[in-house]
């Protein structure tokens, strides 16, 4: 019996640093693991809603991929304190709102 796999990824680089290799690595990993039939859902945690200039629009249309972002936009790339707030406070809150069994 094959188990169902649900994955959550801190994908802040997709919206905060879209031109970096980190953002491209996240997008490629999501595309690649999304092809595995055992994976039922990939939840991407981002600090704010992707805007009109979002470089990875193809990820928005992938059925297994779900974006979650806080009501109040965060800017983790602003400074060290904002980054720590994103990692230690915002991500855990976002994970509690997931509808999947992550």
N, C-alpha and C. Protein backbone atom coordinates (compact mmCIF):
# COMPACT_ATOMS: atom_id res chain seq x y z
N UNK A 1 0.84 -1.19 0.00
CA UNK A 1 0.00 0.00 0.00
C UNK A 1 0.88 1.25 0.00
N UNK A 2 0.62 2.13 -0.92
CA UNK A 2 1.40 3.36 -1.03
C UNK A 2 0.76 4.45 -0.19
N UNK A 3 1.57 5.12 0.62
CA UNK A 3 1.03 6.18 1.47
C UNK A 3 0.96 7.50 0.71
N UNK A 4 0.09 8.36 1.18
CA UNK A 4 -0.03 9.69 0.60
C UNK A 4 0.96 10.62 1.28
N UNK A 5 1.59 11.47 0.50
CA UNK A 5 2.60 12.37 1.03
C UNK A 5 2.14 13.81 0.82
N UNK A 6 2.22 14.59 1.90
CA UNK A 6 1.90 16.02 1.87
C UNK A 6 3.16 16.77 2.27
N UNK A 7 3.54 17.77 1.49
CA UNK A 7 4.79 18.49 1.72
C UNK A 7 4.51 19.98 1.85
N UNK A 8 5.19 20.62 2.80
CA UNK A 8 5.16 22.09 2.92
C UNK A 8 6.58 22.59 2.73
N UNK A 9 6.72 23.63 1.92
CA UNK A 9 8.04 24.19 1.61
C UNK A 9 8.04 25.68 1.90
N UNK A 10 9.07 26.14 2.61
CA UNK A 10 9.28 27.57 2.79
C UNK A 10 9.77 28.11 1.46
N UNK A 11 8.89 28.76 0.74
CA UNK A 11 9.18 29.21 -0.62
C UNK A 11 9.25 30.73 -0.71
N UNK A 12 9.73 31.38 0.33
CA UNK A 12 9.74 32.84 0.34
C UNK A 12 10.57 33.42 -0.80
N UNK A 13 11.56 32.69 -1.25
CA UNK A 13 12.42 33.21 -2.33
C UNK A 13 11.66 33.40 -3.64
N UNK A 14 10.58 32.66 -3.84
CA UNK A 14 9.81 32.81 -5.07
C UNK A 14 9.24 34.21 -5.23
N UNK A 15 8.88 34.86 -4.11
CA UNK A 15 8.34 36.22 -4.19
C UNK A 15 9.33 37.27 -3.69
N UNK A 16 10.22 36.89 -2.76
CA UNK A 16 11.14 37.87 -2.18
C UNK A 16 12.42 38.05 -2.99
N UNK A 17 12.92 36.96 -3.57
CA UNK A 17 14.17 37.00 -4.32
C UNK A 17 14.01 36.18 -5.60
N UNK A 18 13.09 36.58 -6.49
CA UNK A 18 12.74 35.74 -7.64
C UNK A 18 13.86 35.56 -8.67
N UNK A 19 14.83 36.43 -8.69
CA UNK A 19 15.90 36.33 -9.69
C UNK A 19 17.10 35.53 -9.20
N UNK A 20 16.99 34.90 -8.02
CA UNK A 20 18.12 34.18 -7.46
C UNK A 20 18.08 32.70 -7.81
N UNK A 21 19.21 32.05 -7.66
CA UNK A 21 19.27 30.61 -7.91
C UNK A 21 18.41 29.87 -6.90
N UNK A 22 18.27 30.40 -5.69
CA UNK A 22 17.42 29.76 -4.68
C UNK A 22 15.98 29.67 -5.13
N UNK A 23 15.48 30.71 -5.75
CA UNK A 23 14.10 30.71 -6.24
C UNK A 23 13.93 29.69 -7.37
N UNK A 24 14.89 29.65 -8.27
CA UNK A 24 14.80 28.69 -9.37
C UNK A 24 14.92 27.25 -8.87
N UNK A 25 15.75 27.03 -7.84
CA UNK A 25 15.86 25.68 -7.28
C UNK A 25 14.55 25.26 -6.65
N UNK A 26 13.91 26.15 -5.91
CA UNK A 26 12.61 25.83 -5.30
C UNK A 26 11.60 25.49 -6.39
N UNK A 27 11.54 26.28 -7.44
CA UNK A 27 10.56 26.03 -8.50
C UNK A 27 10.82 24.70 -9.20
N UNK A 28 12.08 24.39 -9.45
CA UNK A 28 12.42 23.13 -10.12
C UNK A 28 12.13 21.93 -9.22
N UNK A 29 12.41 22.06 -7.94
CA UNK A 29 12.12 20.97 -7.00
C UNK A 29 10.62 20.71 -6.96
N UNK A 30 9.84 21.77 -6.90
CA UNK A 30 8.38 21.63 -6.86
C UNK A 30 7.87 20.94 -8.12
N UNK A 31 8.37 21.36 -9.27
CA UNK A 31 7.95 20.72 -10.53
C UNK A 31 8.32 19.24 -10.56
N UNK A 32 9.53 18.94 -10.10
CA UNK A 32 10.02 17.56 -10.15
C UNK A 32 9.28 16.64 -9.18
N UNK A 33 9.16 17.06 -7.93
CA UNK A 33 8.49 16.18 -6.96
C UNK A 33 6.99 16.11 -7.21
N UNK A 34 6.45 17.12 -7.88
CA UNK A 34 5.03 17.11 -8.21
C UNK A 34 4.66 16.00 -9.18
N UNK A 35 5.63 15.46 -9.88
CA UNK A 35 5.38 14.37 -10.82
C UNK A 35 5.24 13.02 -10.13
N UNK A 36 5.65 12.94 -8.88
CA UNK A 36 5.56 11.68 -8.13
C UNK A 36 4.10 11.44 -7.74
N UNK A 37 3.51 10.31 -8.14
CA UNK A 37 2.10 10.06 -7.83
C UNK A 37 1.80 9.89 -6.34
N UNK A 38 2.81 9.58 -5.54
CA UNK A 38 2.60 9.42 -4.10
C UNK A 38 2.38 10.76 -3.40
N UNK A 39 2.85 11.83 -4.02
CA UNK A 39 2.70 13.16 -3.43
C UNK A 39 1.33 13.70 -3.79
N UNK A 40 0.53 13.94 -2.77
CA UNK A 40 -0.84 14.41 -2.97
C UNK A 40 -0.95 15.92 -3.00
N UNK A 41 -0.10 16.60 -2.21
CA UNK A 41 -0.16 18.06 -2.19
C UNK A 41 1.18 18.65 -1.79
N UNK A 42 1.53 19.76 -2.45
CA UNK A 42 2.72 20.53 -2.11
C UNK A 42 2.22 21.91 -1.72
N UNK A 43 2.46 22.29 -0.48
CA UNK A 43 2.05 23.60 0.01
C UNK A 43 3.27 24.51 0.04
N UNK A 44 3.18 25.62 -0.68
CA UNK A 44 4.27 26.58 -0.71
C UNK A 44 3.92 27.75 0.20
N UNK A 45 4.75 27.95 1.20
CA UNK A 45 4.55 29.03 2.16
C UNK A 45 5.31 30.25 1.67
N UNK A 46 4.58 31.31 1.36
CA UNK A 46 5.19 32.54 0.86
C UNK A 46 4.78 33.71 1.75
N UNK A 47 5.64 34.73 1.88
CA UNK A 47 5.38 35.82 2.81
C UNK A 47 4.31 36.81 2.38
N UNK A 48 3.95 36.78 1.12
CA UNK A 48 2.89 37.67 0.62
C UNK A 48 2.33 37.09 -0.68
N UNK A 49 1.18 37.55 -1.03
CA UNK A 49 0.51 37.06 -2.24
C UNK A 49 1.36 37.39 -3.47
N UNK A 50 1.58 36.41 -4.35
CA UNK A 50 2.33 36.70 -5.57
C UNK A 50 1.64 37.78 -6.40
N UNK A 51 2.42 38.73 -6.87
CA UNK A 51 1.87 39.85 -7.64
C UNK A 51 1.81 39.56 -9.13
N UNK A 52 1.47 40.57 -9.89
CA UNK A 52 1.35 40.45 -11.35
C UNK A 52 2.70 40.16 -12.00
N UNK A 53 3.79 40.53 -11.33
CA UNK A 53 5.12 40.31 -11.88
C UNK A 53 5.74 38.98 -11.42
N UNK A 54 4.94 38.09 -10.88
CA UNK A 54 5.40 36.80 -10.37
C UNK A 54 6.02 35.99 -11.51
N UNK A 55 7.26 35.54 -11.33
CA UNK A 55 7.99 34.85 -12.39
C UNK A 55 7.62 33.37 -12.54
N UNK A 56 6.94 32.82 -11.57
CA UNK A 56 6.68 31.38 -11.57
C UNK A 56 5.18 31.09 -11.67
N UNK A 57 4.52 31.78 -12.58
CA UNK A 57 3.07 31.61 -12.76
C UNK A 57 2.67 30.19 -13.10
N UNK A 58 3.57 29.44 -13.73
CA UNK A 58 3.24 28.06 -14.07
C UNK A 58 2.98 27.22 -12.82
N UNK A 59 3.59 27.57 -11.71
CA UNK A 59 3.36 26.83 -10.46
C UNK A 59 1.95 27.07 -9.93
N UNK A 60 1.38 28.23 -10.25
CA UNK A 60 0.02 28.53 -9.79
C UNK A 60 -1.01 27.61 -10.43
N UNK A 61 -0.69 27.09 -11.59
CA UNK A 61 -1.66 26.24 -12.30
C UNK A 61 -1.45 24.75 -12.07
N UNK A 62 -0.42 24.37 -11.33
CA UNK A 62 -0.19 22.96 -11.03
C UNK A 62 -1.21 22.50 -10.00
N UNK A 63 -1.92 21.44 -10.31
CA UNK A 63 -3.03 20.99 -9.46
C UNK A 63 -2.58 20.63 -8.04
N UNK A 64 -1.43 20.03 -7.88
CA UNK A 64 -0.96 19.60 -6.56
C UNK A 64 -0.39 20.73 -5.72
N UNK A 65 -0.12 21.87 -6.33
CA UNK A 65 0.55 22.97 -5.64
C UNK A 65 -0.48 23.94 -5.07
N UNK A 66 -0.28 24.28 -3.79
CA UNK A 66 -1.16 25.20 -3.09
C UNK A 66 -0.29 26.28 -2.44
N UNK A 67 -0.59 27.53 -2.69
CA UNK A 67 0.14 28.64 -2.08
C UNK A 67 -0.60 29.09 -0.82
N UNK A 68 0.15 29.31 0.25
CA UNK A 68 -0.42 29.87 1.48
C UNK A 68 0.43 31.08 1.86
N UNK A 69 -0.25 32.17 2.18
CA UNK A 69 0.44 33.39 2.57
C UNK A 69 -0.35 34.05 3.70
N UNK A 70 0.32 34.82 4.55
CA UNK A 70 -0.37 35.47 5.66
C UNK A 70 -1.27 36.61 5.18
N UNK A 71 -2.24 36.95 6.01
CA UNK A 71 -3.13 38.08 5.68
C UNK A 71 -2.33 39.37 5.55
N UNK A 72 -1.44 39.59 6.50
CA UNK A 72 -0.60 40.78 6.47
C UNK A 72 0.72 40.40 5.78
N UNK A 73 1.07 41.08 4.69
CA UNK A 73 2.30 40.74 3.97
C UNK A 73 3.54 40.88 4.85
N UNK A 74 4.48 39.98 4.68
CA UNK A 74 5.76 40.02 5.39
C UNK A 74 6.87 40.27 4.39
N UNK A 75 7.97 40.81 4.89
CA UNK A 75 9.13 41.08 4.06
C UNK A 75 10.36 40.48 4.75
N UNK A 76 10.54 39.16 4.68
CA UNK A 76 11.65 38.53 5.40
C UNK A 76 13.03 38.95 4.89
N UNK A 77 13.10 39.43 3.66
CA UNK A 77 14.39 39.84 3.10
C UNK A 77 14.80 41.24 3.58
N UNK A 78 13.93 41.93 4.30
CA UNK A 78 14.18 43.30 4.74
C UNK A 78 15.39 43.37 5.68
N UNK A 79 15.39 42.54 6.71
CA UNK A 79 16.50 42.53 7.66
C UNK A 79 16.47 41.22 8.45
N UNK A 80 17.45 41.05 9.31
CA UNK A 80 17.58 39.82 10.07
C UNK A 80 16.36 39.56 10.96
N UNK A 81 15.88 40.59 11.60
CA UNK A 81 14.72 40.45 12.49
C UNK A 81 13.48 39.99 11.72
N UNK A 82 13.25 40.56 10.57
CA UNK A 82 12.10 40.16 9.75
C UNK A 82 12.23 38.71 9.29
N UNK A 83 13.45 38.31 8.99
CA UNK A 83 13.69 36.92 8.58
C UNK A 83 13.39 35.96 9.73
N UNK A 84 13.85 36.29 10.91
CA UNK A 84 13.59 35.45 12.09
C UNK A 84 12.10 35.40 12.39
N UNK A 85 11.41 36.52 12.27
CA UNK A 85 9.97 36.55 12.51
C UNK A 85 9.26 35.63 11.52
N UNK A 86 9.67 35.66 10.26
CA UNK A 86 9.08 34.80 9.24
C UNK A 86 9.28 33.32 9.60
N UNK A 87 10.50 32.98 9.96
CA UNK A 87 10.84 31.58 10.24
C UNK A 87 10.20 31.08 11.53
N UNK A 88 10.30 31.85 12.61
CA UNK A 88 9.89 31.34 13.92
C UNK A 88 8.44 31.60 14.28
N UNK A 89 7.81 32.57 13.67
CA UNK A 89 6.43 32.88 14.06
C UNK A 89 5.42 32.70 12.92
N UNK A 90 5.75 33.25 11.76
CA UNK A 90 4.78 33.23 10.67
C UNK A 90 4.62 31.85 10.06
N UNK A 91 5.71 31.16 9.79
CA UNK A 91 5.61 29.82 9.19
C UNK A 91 4.80 28.88 10.07
N UNK A 92 5.06 28.79 11.38
CA UNK A 92 4.22 27.91 12.21
C UNK A 92 2.73 28.27 12.18
N UNK A 93 2.42 29.57 12.15
CA UNK A 93 1.02 29.99 12.06
C UNK A 93 0.40 29.55 10.73
N UNK A 94 1.16 29.69 9.65
CA UNK A 94 0.66 29.27 8.34
C UNK A 94 0.44 27.77 8.30
N UNK A 95 1.33 27.01 8.90
CA UNK A 95 1.17 25.55 8.90
C UNK A 95 -0.08 25.12 9.65
N UNK A 96 -0.47 25.87 10.65
CA UNK A 96 -1.70 25.54 11.39
C UNK A 96 -2.93 25.76 10.54
N UNK A 97 -2.84 26.60 9.52
CA UNK A 97 -4.01 26.87 8.67
C UNK A 97 -4.12 25.90 7.50
N UNK A 98 -3.12 25.05 7.33
CA UNK A 98 -3.14 24.09 6.20
C UNK A 98 -4.36 23.16 6.32
N UNK A 99 -5.01 22.95 5.20
CA UNK A 99 -6.14 22.02 5.17
C UNK A 99 -5.69 20.59 5.00
N UNK A 100 -4.45 20.40 4.59
CA UNK A 100 -3.94 19.04 4.43
C UNK A 100 -3.26 18.58 5.72
N UNK A 101 -3.08 17.29 5.88
CA UNK A 101 -2.49 16.75 7.12
C UNK A 101 -0.97 16.90 7.17
N UNK A 102 -0.48 18.12 7.12
CA UNK A 102 0.97 18.35 7.18
C UNK A 102 1.39 18.38 8.62
